[in-house]
C-alpha atoms as a PDB file:
ATOM      1  CA  MET A   1     -26.897 -17.954  13.439  1.00  0.00           C
ATOM      2  CA  THR A   2     -23.679 -16.572  14.894  1.00  0.00           C
ATOM      3  CA  THR A   3     -21.548 -14.909  12.219  1.00  0.00           C
ATOM      4  CA  ARG A   4     -17.798 -14.384  12.314  1.00  0.00           C
ATOM      5  CA  ARG A   5     -18.466 -10.672  12.854  1.00  0.00           C
ATOM      6  CA  ASP A   6     -20.656 -11.426  15.898  1.00  0.00           C
ATOM      7  CA  PHE A   7     -18.051 -13.823  17.274  1.00  0.00           C
ATOM      8  CA  LEU A   8     -15.242 -11.285  16.991  1.00  0.00           C
ATOM      9  CA  ARG A   9     -17.358  -8.576  18.601  1.00  0.00           C
ATOM     10  CA  SER A  10     -18.392 -10.776  21.516  1.00  0.00           C
ATOM     11  CA  SER A  11     -14.821 -12.035  21.973  1.00  0.00           C
ATOM     12  CA  ALA A  12     -13.546  -8.474  22.184  1.00  0.00           C
ATOM     13  CA  ALA A  13     -16.212  -7.491  24.687  1.00  0.00           C
ATOM     14  CA  PHE A  14     -15.492 -10.519  26.869  1.00  0.00           C
ATOM     15  CA  ALA A  15     -11.761  -9.900  26.757  1.00  0.00           C
ATOM     16  CA  ALA A  16     -12.147  -6.245  27.708  1.00  0.00           C
ATOM     17  CA  GLY A  17     -14.450  -7.021  30.607  1.00  0.00           C
ATOM     18  CA  SER A  18     -12.712 -10.085  31.984  1.00  0.00           C
ATOM     19  CA  MET A  19      -9.207  -8.681  31.936  1.00  0.00           C
ATOM     20  CA  PHE A  20      -9.796  -5.363  33.667  1.00  0.00           C
ATOM     21  CA  VAL A  21      -9.113  -6.383  37.259  1.00  0.00           C
ATOM     22  CA  PRO A  22      -6.176  -8.722  36.509  1.00  0.00           C
ATOM     23  CA  MET A  23      -4.514  -6.008  34.450  1.00  0.00           C
ATOM     24  CA  LEU A  24      -4.601  -3.597  37.349  1.00  0.00           C
ATOM     25  CA  ALA A  25      -3.190  -6.249  39.621  1.00  0.00           C
ATOM     26  CA  CYS A  26      -0.288  -7.327  37.414  1.00  0.00           C
ATOM     27  CA  GLY A  27       0.554  -3.985  35.830  1.00  0.00           C
ATOM     28  CA  ASP A  28      -0.288  -4.980  32.258  1.00  0.00           C
ATOM     29  CA  SER A  29      -2.043  -1.628  31.818  1.00  0.00           C
ATOM     30  CA  LYS A  30       1.451  -0.189  31.243  1.00  0.00           C
ATOM     31  CA  LYS A  31       2.005  -2.231  28.103  1.00  0.00           C
ATOM     32  CA  ILE A  32       2.998  -0.078  25.164  1.00  0.00           C
ATOM     33  CA  ILE A  33       0.770  -1.119  22.278  1.00  0.00           C
ATOM     34  CA  GLY A  34       1.078   0.984  19.163  1.00  0.00           C
ATOM     35  CA  LEU A  35      -0.977   1.462  16.023  1.00  0.00           C
ATOM     36  CA  GLN A  36       0.230   2.211  12.514  1.00  0.00           C
ATOM     37  CA  LEU A  37      -2.069   5.024  11.405  1.00  0.00           C
ATOM     38  CA  TYR A  38      -2.234   3.669   7.847  1.00  0.00           C
ATOM     39  CA  THR A  39      -4.749   1.236   9.335  1.00  0.00           C
ATOM     40  CA  VAL A  40      -7.296   4.036   9.830  1.00  0.00           C
ATOM     41  CA  ARG A  41      -6.313   6.240   6.889  1.00  0.00           C
ATOM     42  CA  ASP A  42      -9.877   6.576   5.605  1.00  0.00           C
ATOM     43  CA  LYS A  43     -11.159   7.442   9.072  1.00  0.00           C
ATOM     44  CA  LEU A  44      -8.466  10.115   9.406  1.00  0.00           C
ATOM     45  CA  LYS A  45      -9.458  11.673   6.090  1.00  0.00           C
ATOM     46  CA  ALA A  46     -13.097  11.838   7.180  1.00  0.00           C
ATOM     47  CA  ASP A  47     -12.517  13.100  10.735  1.00  0.00           C
ATOM     48  CA  GLN A  48      -8.939  13.413  11.891  1.00  0.00           C
ATOM     49  CA  GLU A  49      -9.526  14.843  15.345  1.00  0.00           C
ATOM     50  CA  GLY A  50     -12.369  12.432  16.107  1.00  0.00           C
ATOM     51  CA  THR A  51     -10.391   9.449  14.851  1.00  0.00           C
ATOM     52  CA  LEU A  52      -7.354  10.195  17.009  1.00  0.00           C
ATOM     53  CA  ALA A  53      -9.601  10.711  20.030  1.00  0.00           C
ATOM     54  CA  LYS A  54     -11.326   7.385  19.300  1.00  0.00           C
ATOM     55  CA  LEU A  55      -8.003   5.534  19.141  1.00  0.00           C
ATOM     56  CA  ALA A  56      -7.032   6.996  22.505  1.00  0.00           C
ATOM     57  CA  GLU A  57     -10.418   5.955  23.913  1.00  0.00           C
ATOM     58  CA  ILE A  58      -9.918   2.408  22.614  1.00  0.00           C
ATOM     59  CA  GLY A  59      -6.638   2.324  24.504  1.00  0.00           C
ATOM     60  CA  TYR A  60      -3.689   2.693  22.141  1.00  0.00           C
ATOM     61  CA  ASN A  61      -0.727   4.450  23.741  1.00  0.00           C
ATOM     62  CA  SER A  62       1.787   4.638  20.895  1.00  0.00           C
ATOM     63  CA  LEU A  63       1.572   5.635  17.228  1.00  0.00           C
ATOM     64  CA  GLU A  64       3.414   5.232  13.966  1.00  0.00           C
ATOM     65  CA  ALA A  65       2.659   7.808  11.292  1.00  0.00           C
ATOM     66  CA  ALA A  66       2.029   7.270   7.593  1.00  0.00           C
ATOM     67  CA  GLY A  67       1.021  10.827   6.797  1.00  0.00           C
ATOM     68  CA  TYR A  68       4.118  12.998   6.525  1.00  0.00           C
ATOM     69  CA  ASN A  69       4.022  15.444   3.599  1.00  0.00           C
ATOM     70  CA  MET A  70       7.426  16.563   2.375  1.00  0.00           C
ATOM     71  CA  ASN A  71       5.965  19.408   0.314  1.00  0.00           C
ATOM     72  CA  ASP A  72       4.694  21.378   3.291  1.00  0.00           C
ATOM     73  CA  ARG A  73       6.649  19.478   5.974  1.00  0.00           C
ATOM     74  CA  THR A  74       3.574  18.504   7.952  1.00  0.00           C
ATOM     75  CA  PHE A  75       2.201  15.414   9.671  1.00  0.00           C
ATOM     76  CA  TYR A  76      -1.460  15.041   8.772  1.00  0.00           C
ATOM     77  CA  GLY A  77      -1.649  18.743   7.938  1.00  0.00           C
ATOM     78  CA  MET A  78       0.003  19.880  11.177  1.00  0.00           C
ATOM     79  CA  VAL A  79       3.553  21.105  11.707  1.00  0.00           C
ATOM     80  CA  PRO A  80       5.628  18.395  13.399  1.00  0.00           C
ATOM     81  CA  GLN A  81       5.699  19.863  16.905  1.00  0.00           C
ATOM     82  CA  ALA A  82       1.978  20.633  16.855  1.00  0.00           C
ATOM     83  CA  PHE A  83       1.084  17.092  15.800  1.00  0.00           C
ATOM     84  CA  ALA A  84       3.451  15.679  18.420  1.00  0.00           C
ATOM     85  CA  ASP A  85       1.850  17.816  21.116  1.00  0.00           C
ATOM     86  CA  HIS A  86      -1.653  16.836  20.010  1.00  0.00           C
ATOM     87  CA  VAL A  87      -1.153  13.066  20.111  1.00  0.00           C
ATOM     88  CA  HIS A  88       0.951  13.290  23.278  1.00  0.00           C
ATOM     89  CA  LYS A  89      -1.931  14.993  25.062  1.00  0.00           C
ATOM     90  CA  LEU A  90      -4.102  12.082  23.966  1.00  0.00           C
ATOM     91  CA  GLY A  91      -1.633   9.685  25.569  1.00  0.00           C
ATOM     92  CA  MET A  92      -0.345   8.349  22.242  1.00  0.00           C
ATOM     93  CA  PRO A  93       3.193   9.602  21.568  1.00  0.00           C
ATOM     94  CA  LEU A  94       4.459   9.313  18.018  1.00  0.00           C
ATOM     95  CA  HIS A  95       7.305   6.815  18.201  1.00  0.00           C
ATOM     96  CA  SER A  96       7.876   6.203  14.495  1.00  0.00           C
ATOM     97  CA  SER A  97       7.086   7.505  11.026  1.00  0.00           C
ATOM     98  CA  HIS A  98       6.863   5.862   7.609  1.00  0.00           C
ATOM     99  CA  THR A  99       8.222   7.994   4.766  1.00  0.00           C
ATOM    100  CA  VAL A 100       9.585   7.112   1.330  1.00  0.00           C
ATOM    101  CA  PHE A 101      12.470   9.504   0.697  1.00  0.00           C
ATOM    102  CA  GLU A 102      15.844   9.672  -1.000  1.00  0.00           C
ATOM    103  CA  LEU A 103      19.268  10.801   0.165  1.00  0.00           C
ATOM    104  CA  ASP A 104      18.836  14.396  -0.960  1.00  0.00           C
ATOM    105  CA  GLN A 105      15.683  14.621   1.185  1.00  0.00           C
ATOM    106  CA  ALA A 106      17.003  12.800   4.227  1.00  0.00           C
ATOM    107  CA  GLU A 107      18.086  15.835   6.247  1.00  0.00           C
ATOM    108  CA  VAL A 108      14.654  17.478   5.995  1.00  0.00           C
ATOM    109  CA  VAL A 109      12.715  14.261   6.653  1.00  0.00           C
ATOM    110  CA  CYS A 110      14.817  13.348   9.674  1.00  0.00           C
ATOM    111  CA  GLU A 111      14.716  16.859  11.079  1.00  0.00           C
ATOM    112  CA  ASP A 112      10.921  16.883  10.955  1.00  0.00           C
ATOM    113  CA  ALA A 113      10.595  13.374  12.362  1.00  0.00           C
ATOM    114  CA  ALA A 114      12.773  14.397  15.295  1.00  0.00           C
ATOM    115  CA  LYS A 115      10.634  17.502  15.864  1.00  0.00           C
ATOM    116  CA  ALA A 116       7.568  15.262  15.934  1.00  0.00           C
ATOM    117  CA  GLY A 117       9.115  13.263  18.759  1.00  0.00           C
ATOM    118  CA  CYS A 118       9.845  10.149  16.705  1.00  0.00           C
ATOM    119  CA  LYS A 119      12.503   7.666  17.721  1.00  0.00           C
ATOM    120  CA  TYR A 120      12.428   5.850  14.375  1.00  0.00           C
ATOM    121  CA  ILE A 121      12.203   6.897  10.751  1.00  0.00           C
ATOM    122  CA  ILE A 122      11.152   3.963   8.575  1.00  0.00           C
ATOM    123  CA  TYR A 123      11.465   3.502   4.818  1.00  0.00           C
ATOM    124  CA  PRO A 124       8.203   1.651   4.198  1.00  0.00           C
ATOM    125  CA  TYR A 125       8.346   0.276   0.663  1.00  0.00           C
ATOM    126  CA  LEU A 126      10.929  -0.320  -2.048  1.00  0.00           C
ATOM    127  CA  PRO A 127       9.557   0.643  -5.482  1.00  0.00           C
ATOM    128  CA  ASP A 128       9.909  -1.783  -8.398  1.00  0.00           C
ATOM    129  CA  ASN A 129      12.559   0.271 -10.189  1.00  0.00           C
ATOM    130  CA  LEU A 130      14.919   0.008  -7.202  1.00  0.00           C
ATOM    131  CA  ARG A 131      14.825  -3.804  -7.107  1.00  0.00           C
ATOM    132  CA  PRO A 132      15.250  -5.147 -10.656  1.00  0.00           C
ATOM    133  CA  ASN A 133      18.030  -7.495  -9.532  1.00  0.00           C
ATOM    134  CA  LEU A 134      20.328  -8.214  -6.601  1.00  0.00           C
ATOM    135  CA  ASP A 135      22.562  -5.301  -7.558  1.00  0.00           C
ATOM    136  CA  GLY A 136      19.559  -3.062  -6.963  1.00  0.00           C
ATOM    137  CA  TYR A 137      19.163  -4.465  -3.461  1.00  0.00           C
ATOM    138  CA  LYS A 138      22.882  -4.065  -2.784  1.00  0.00           C
ATOM    139  CA  ALA A 139      22.765  -0.431  -3.895  1.00  0.00           C
ATOM    140  CA  THR A 140      19.739   0.086  -1.678  1.00  0.00           C
ATOM    141  CA  ALA A 141      21.573  -1.396   1.296  1.00  0.00           C
ATOM    142  CA  GLU A 142      24.431   1.078   0.822  1.00  0.00           C
ATOM    143  CA  LYS A 143      21.944   3.932   0.516  1.00  0.00           C
ATOM    144  CA  PHE A 144      20.241   2.793   3.707  1.00  0.00           C
ATOM    145  CA  ASN A 145      23.587   2.944   5.529  1.00  0.00           C
ATOM    146  CA  GLN A 146      23.947   6.562   4.455  1.00  0.00           C
ATOM    147  CA  MET A 147      20.391   7.362   5.471  1.00  0.00           C
ATOM    148  CA  GLY A 148      21.024   5.688   8.808  1.00  0.00           C
ATOM    149  CA  ALA A 149      24.003   7.937   9.438  1.00  0.00           C
ATOM    150  CA  ILE A 150      21.911  11.026   8.694  1.00  0.00           C
ATOM    151  CA  ALA A 151      19.113   9.785  10.944  1.00  0.00           C
ATOM    152  CA  GLN A 152      21.601   9.269  13.769  1.00  0.00           C
ATOM    153  CA  LYS A 153      22.661  12.915  13.559  1.00  0.00           C
ATOM    154  CA  HIS A 154      19.059  13.818  14.374  1.00  0.00           C
ATOM    155  CA  GLY A 155      18.774  11.335  17.234  1.00  0.00           C
ATOM    156  CA  LEU A 156      16.779   8.832  15.188  1.00  0.00           C
ATOM    157  CA  GLN A 157      17.127   5.193  14.246  1.00  0.00           C
ATOM    158  CA  PHE A 158      16.598   4.509  10.548  1.00  0.00           C
ATOM    159  CA  GLY A 159      14.855   1.313   9.505  1.00  0.00           C
ATOM    160  CA  TYR A 160      13.215  -0.569   6.654  1.00  0.00           C
ATOM    161  CA  HIS A 161       9.778  -2.212   6.592  1.00  0.00           C
ATOM    162  CA  ASN A 162       9.317  -5.321   4.471  1.00  0.00           C
ATOM    163  CA  HIS A 163       6.544  -6.768   2.384  1.00  0.00           C
ATOM    164  CA  ALA A 164       6.519 -10.235   0.768  1.00  0.00           C
ATOM    165  CA  PHE A 165       8.530  -9.506  -2.373  1.00  0.00           C
ATOM    166  CA  GLU A 166      11.813  -9.310  -0.432  1.00  0.00           C
ATOM    167  CA  PHE A 167      11.496 -13.052   0.206  1.00  0.00           C
ATOM    168  CA  GLU A 168      11.215 -14.072  -3.463  1.00  0.00           C
ATOM    169  CA  GLU A 169      14.446 -15.807  -4.444  1.00  0.00           C
ATOM    170  CA  MET A 170      16.559 -13.834  -6.894  1.00  0.00           C
ATOM    171  CA  GLU A 171      19.813 -15.060  -8.418  1.00  0.00           C
ATOM    172  CA  GLY A 172      19.982 -17.835  -5.835  1.00  0.00           C
ATOM    173  CA  GLN A 173      19.610 -15.493  -2.863  1.00  0.00           C
ATOM    174  CA  ILE A 174      16.836 -14.013  -0.746  1.00  0.00           C
ATOM    175  CA  PRO A 175      16.809 -10.212  -1.175  1.00  0.00           C
ATOM    176  CA  MET A 176      15.798  -9.689   2.464  1.00  0.00           C
ATOM    177  CA  ASP A 177      19.002 -11.451   3.508  1.00  0.00           C
ATOM    178  CA  VAL A 178      21.002  -9.138   1.260  1.00  0.00           C
ATOM    179  CA  LEU A 179      19.427  -6.031   2.776  1.00  0.00           C
ATOM    180  CA  ILE A 180      20.087  -7.222   6.325  1.00  0.00           C
ATOM    181  CA  SER A 181      23.590  -8.597   5.805  1.00  0.00           C
ATOM    182  CA  GLN A 182      24.817  -5.583   3.838  1.00  0.00           C
ATOM    183  CA  THR A 183      23.572  -2.886   6.214  1.00  0.00           C
ATOM    184  CA  ASP A 184      25.378  -1.712   9.321  1.00  0.00           C
ATOM    185  CA  PRO A 185      23.526  -2.875  12.471  1.00  0.00           C
ATOM    186  CA  ASP A 186      24.418   0.428  14.157  1.00  0.00           C
ATOM    187  CA  LEU A 187      22.835   2.432  11.351  1.00  0.00           C
ATOM    188  CA  VAL A 188      19.927   0.341  10.058  1.00  0.00           C
ATOM    189  CA  THR A 189      17.270  -1.655  11.870  1.00  0.00           C
ATOM    190  CA  PHE A 190      14.342  -3.546  10.367  1.00  0.00           C
ATOM    191  CA  GLU A 191      10.650  -3.320  11.086  1.00  0.00           C
ATOM    192  CA  LEU A 192       9.606  -6.903  10.484  1.00  0.00           C
ATOM    193  CA  ASP A 193       6.054  -7.189   9.230  1.00  0.00           C
ATOM    194  CA  LEU A 194       4.925 -10.495  10.704  1.00  0.00           C
ATOM    195  CA  TYR A 195       2.105 -10.926   8.193  1.00  0.00           C
ATOM    196  CA  TRP A 196       4.118 -10.181   5.063  1.00  0.00           C
ATOM    197  CA  THR A 197       7.035 -12.323   6.230  1.00  0.00           C
ATOM    198  CA  THR A 198       4.638 -15.220   6.785  1.00  0.00           C
ATOM    199  CA  ARG A 199       2.929 -14.628   3.452  1.00  0.00           C
ATOM    200  CA  GLY A 200       6.345 -14.600   1.809  1.00  0.00           C
ATOM    201  CA  GLY A 201       6.778 -18.169   3.021  1.00  0.00           C
ATOM    202  CA  PHE A 202       9.203 -17.541   5.862  1.00  0.00           C
ATOM    203  CA  ASP A 203       9.102 -17.809   9.632  1.00  0.00           C
ATOM    204  CA  PRO A 204       9.718 -14.598  11.636  1.00  0.00           C
ATOM    205  CA  VAL A 205      11.355 -16.614  14.424  1.00  0.00           C
ATOM    206  CA  ASP A 206      13.853 -18.097  11.969  1.00  0.00           C
ATOM    207  CA  TYR A 207      14.817 -14.568  10.958  1.00  0.00           C
ATOM    208  CA  PHE A 208      15.257 -13.467  14.553  1.00  0.00           C
ATOM    209  CA  LYS A 209      17.658 -16.342  15.097  1.00  0.00           C
ATOM    210  CA  LYS A 210      19.464 -15.841  11.796  1.00  0.00           C
ATOM    211  CA  PHE A 211      19.924 -12.097  12.334  1.00  0.00           C
ATOM    212  CA  PRO A 212      19.623 -11.513  16.105  1.00  0.00           C
ATOM    213  CA  GLY A 213      19.117  -7.982  17.283  1.00  0.00           C
ATOM    214  CA  ARG A 214      18.251  -6.574  13.854  1.00  0.00           C
ATOM    215  CA  PHE A 215      14.486  -6.166  14.274  1.00  0.00           C
ATOM    216  CA  GLY A 216      13.878  -3.166  16.518  1.00  0.00           C
ATOM    217  CA  LEU A 217      10.282  -2.748  15.398  1.00  0.00           C
ATOM    218  CA  TRP A 218       7.501  -5.117  14.389  1.00  0.00           C
ATOM    219  CA  HIS A 219       4.228  -4.791  12.551  1.00  0.00           C
ATOM    220  CA  VAL A 220       1.822  -7.087  14.340  1.00  0.00           C
ATOM    221  CA  LYS A 221      -0.924  -8.174  11.979  1.00  0.00           C
ATOM    222  CA  ASP A 222      -2.756 -11.426  11.484  1.00  0.00           C
ATOM    223  CA  MET A 223      -3.833 -13.599   8.564  1.00  0.00           C
ATOM    224  CA  VAL A 224      -7.152 -15.406   8.146  1.00  0.00           C
ATOM    225  CA  THR A 225      -7.087 -19.198   8.214  1.00  0.00           C
ATOM    226  CA  THR A 226      -8.623 -19.521   4.740  1.00  0.00           C
ATOM    227  CA  ASP A 227      -6.619 -19.901   1.540  1.00  0.00           C
ATOM    228  CA  ASP A 228      -7.020 -16.275   0.453  1.00  0.00           C
ATOM    229  CA  GLN A 229      -4.654 -15.184   3.263  1.00  0.00           C
ATOM    230  CA  PHE A 230      -6.574 -11.945   3.850  1.00  0.00           C
ATOM    231  CA  PHE A 231      -5.799  -9.653   6.789  1.00  0.00           C
ATOM    232  CA  ALA A 232      -7.396 -10.346  10.170  1.00  0.00           C
ATOM    233  CA  PRO A 233      -7.613  -8.706  13.605  1.00  0.00           C
ATOM    234  CA  VAL A 234      -4.672  -9.757  15.741  1.00  0.00           C
ATOM    235  CA  GLY A 235      -5.380 -13.002  17.576  1.00  0.00           C
ATOM    236  CA  SER A 236      -8.198 -14.137  15.287  1.00  0.00           C
ATOM    237  CA  GLY A 237      -6.106 -15.712  12.537  1.00  0.00           C
ATOM    238  CA  ARG A 238      -3.376 -18.246  11.913  1.00  0.00           C
ATOM    239  CA  ILE A 239      -0.212 -16.493  13.147  1.00  0.00           C
ATOM    240  CA  ASP A 240       1.225 -17.850  16.407  1.00  0.00           C
ATOM    241  CA  PHE A 241       2.005 -14.624  18.241  1.00  0.00           C
ATOM    242  CA  GLU A 242       2.903 -16.344  21.506  1.00  0.00           C
ATOM    243  CA  ARG A 243       5.720 -18.210  19.788  1.00  0.00           C
ATOM    244  CA  ILE A 244       6.904 -15.035  18.051  1.00  0.00           C
ATOM    245  CA  PHE A 245       6.793 -12.815  21.143  1.00  0.00           C
ATOM    246  CA  ALA A 246       8.779 -15.444  23.050  1.00  0.00           C
ATOM    247  CA  GLU A 247      11.725 -14.399  20.855  1.00  0.00           C
ATOM    248  CA  LYS A 248      11.315 -10.632  21.179  1.00  0.00           C
ATOM    249  CA  GLU A 249      14.648 -10.271  22.973  1.00  0.00           C
ATOM    250  CA  THR A 250      16.394 -12.321  20.307  1.00  0.00           C
ATOM    251  CA  ALA A 251      14.862 -10.026  17.715  1.00  0.00           C
ATOM    252  CA  GLY A 252      15.876  -6.884  19.606  1.00  0.00           C
ATOM    253  CA  MET A 253      12.304  -5.583  19.467  1.00  0.00           C
ATOM    254  CA  LYS A 254      11.735  -2.215  21.171  1.00  0.00           C
ATOM    255  CA  TYR A 255       8.281  -1.231  19.886  1.00  0.00           C
ATOM    256  CA  PHE A 256       5.530  -2.898  17.902  1.00  0.00           C
ATOM    257  CA  PHE A 257       2.557  -1.511  16.022  1.00  0.00           C
ATOM    258  CA  VAL A 258      -0.728  -3.147  15.163  1.00  0.00           C
ATOM    259  CA  GLU A 259      -1.552  -2.758  11.496  1.00  0.00           C
ATOM    260  CA  GLN A 260      -4.310  -4.018   9.236  1.00  0.00           C
ATOM    261  CA  ASP A 261      -4.050  -3.047   5.585  1.00  0.00           C
ATOM    262  CA  SER A 262      -7.651  -3.769   4.555  1.00  0.00           C
ATOM    263  CA  PHE A 263     -10.996  -4.835   6.031  1.00  0.00           C
ATOM    264  CA  ARG A 264     -13.992  -6.785   4.807  1.00  0.00           C
ATOM    265  CA  ASP A 265     -16.142  -7.923   7.758  1.00  0.00           C
ATOM    266  CA  LEU A 266     -15.509  -5.261  10.379  1.00  0.00           C
ATOM    267  CA  ASP A 267     -15.267  -1.523  10.667  1.00  0.00           C
ATOM    268  CA  PRO A 268     -11.612  -0.464  11.235  1.00  0.00           C
ATOM    269  CA  PHE A 269     -12.382   0.781  14.753  1.00  0.00           C
ATOM    270  CA  GLU A 270     -13.937  -2.580  15.642  1.00  0.00           C
ATOM    271  CA  SER A 271     -10.976  -4.452  14.260  1.00  0.00           C
ATOM    272  CA  VAL A 272      -8.263  -2.407  15.977  1.00  0.00           C
ATOM    273  CA  GLU A 273     -10.129  -2.726  19.267  1.00  0.00           C
ATOM    274  CA  ILE A 274     -10.206  -6.517  18.921  1.00  0.00           C
ATOM    275  CA  SER A 275      -6.465  -6.480  18.213  1.00  0.00           C
ATOM    276  CA  LEU A 276      -5.737  -4.250  21.194  1.00  0.00           C
ATOM    277  CA  ASN A 277      -7.820  -6.321  23.599  1.00  0.00           C
ATOM    278  CA  TYR A 278      -6.099  -9.512  22.488  1.00  0.00           C
ATOM    279  CA  LEU A 279      -2.651  -8.021  23.049  1.00  0.00           C
ATOM    280  CA  LYS A 280      -3.588  -6.431  26.370  1.00  0.00           C
ATOM    281  CA  GLN A 281      -4.720  -9.704  27.831  1.00  0.00           C
ATOM    282  CA  ALA A 282      -1.915 -11.786  26.320  1.00  0.00           C
ATOM    283  CA  LYS A 283       0.568 -12.692  29.046  1.00  0.00           C
ATOM    284  CA  PHE A 284       3.366 -13.096  26.513  1.00  0.00           C
ATOM    285  CA  VAL A 285       3.316  -9.466  25.353  1.00  0.00           C
END
């Protein structure tokens, strides 16, 4: 009997083999396809050097960090420039970094992100205590404007990454709308997580059209077709990526990163390879 795991493996192998010649002919090999390193966090803990080398072998050519330590000012245990040099040699420049920080830490965080070669510094999650009501979101928006100004001084673009809770109606409004409408487009961009937006009950394309140009980064992740809405390798689930990528210019998207928060049928390396192969062969990317 063919299992879902076998199907995904064979699909990935077919895609990799069948697309090789056409990619060389049409130049698709130059696609920038990034990975959010949170996806392979356990692999990195077990074998950091081997994991990064494996990701380069699979074919990723862009990275987003989730391992900056403010205490010792390192990325994955390496000083910013050393980590930047290491991944650059592997053909995977670090374009973005996820870090939760506050205003009094912004100068240090942005300085280190710039040293690591990042173009974006992303605030990845808004803790519960900062969003008790709409006033909390409004205060956060003002803080983000200030952080964006600091990031600009270091040659970075500041941004915010959403989950699903920002789409839960509060006081007759959608908090995500408050964050977007009350931040300066020159200072704050948004990294729209396609999975979490969908799980929150909203359509990414609707947001692109409602707030054009505000979504410089995307997290590209898929959702299984079953009711549990678990994470899936890109291209194997229910999200219509062709329709979403058709509006990338409306969104203002500059970079995107594959991410998968958790796994249940596949090893993380298998899953990220399936996602990469799908995106490499997709004509709409």
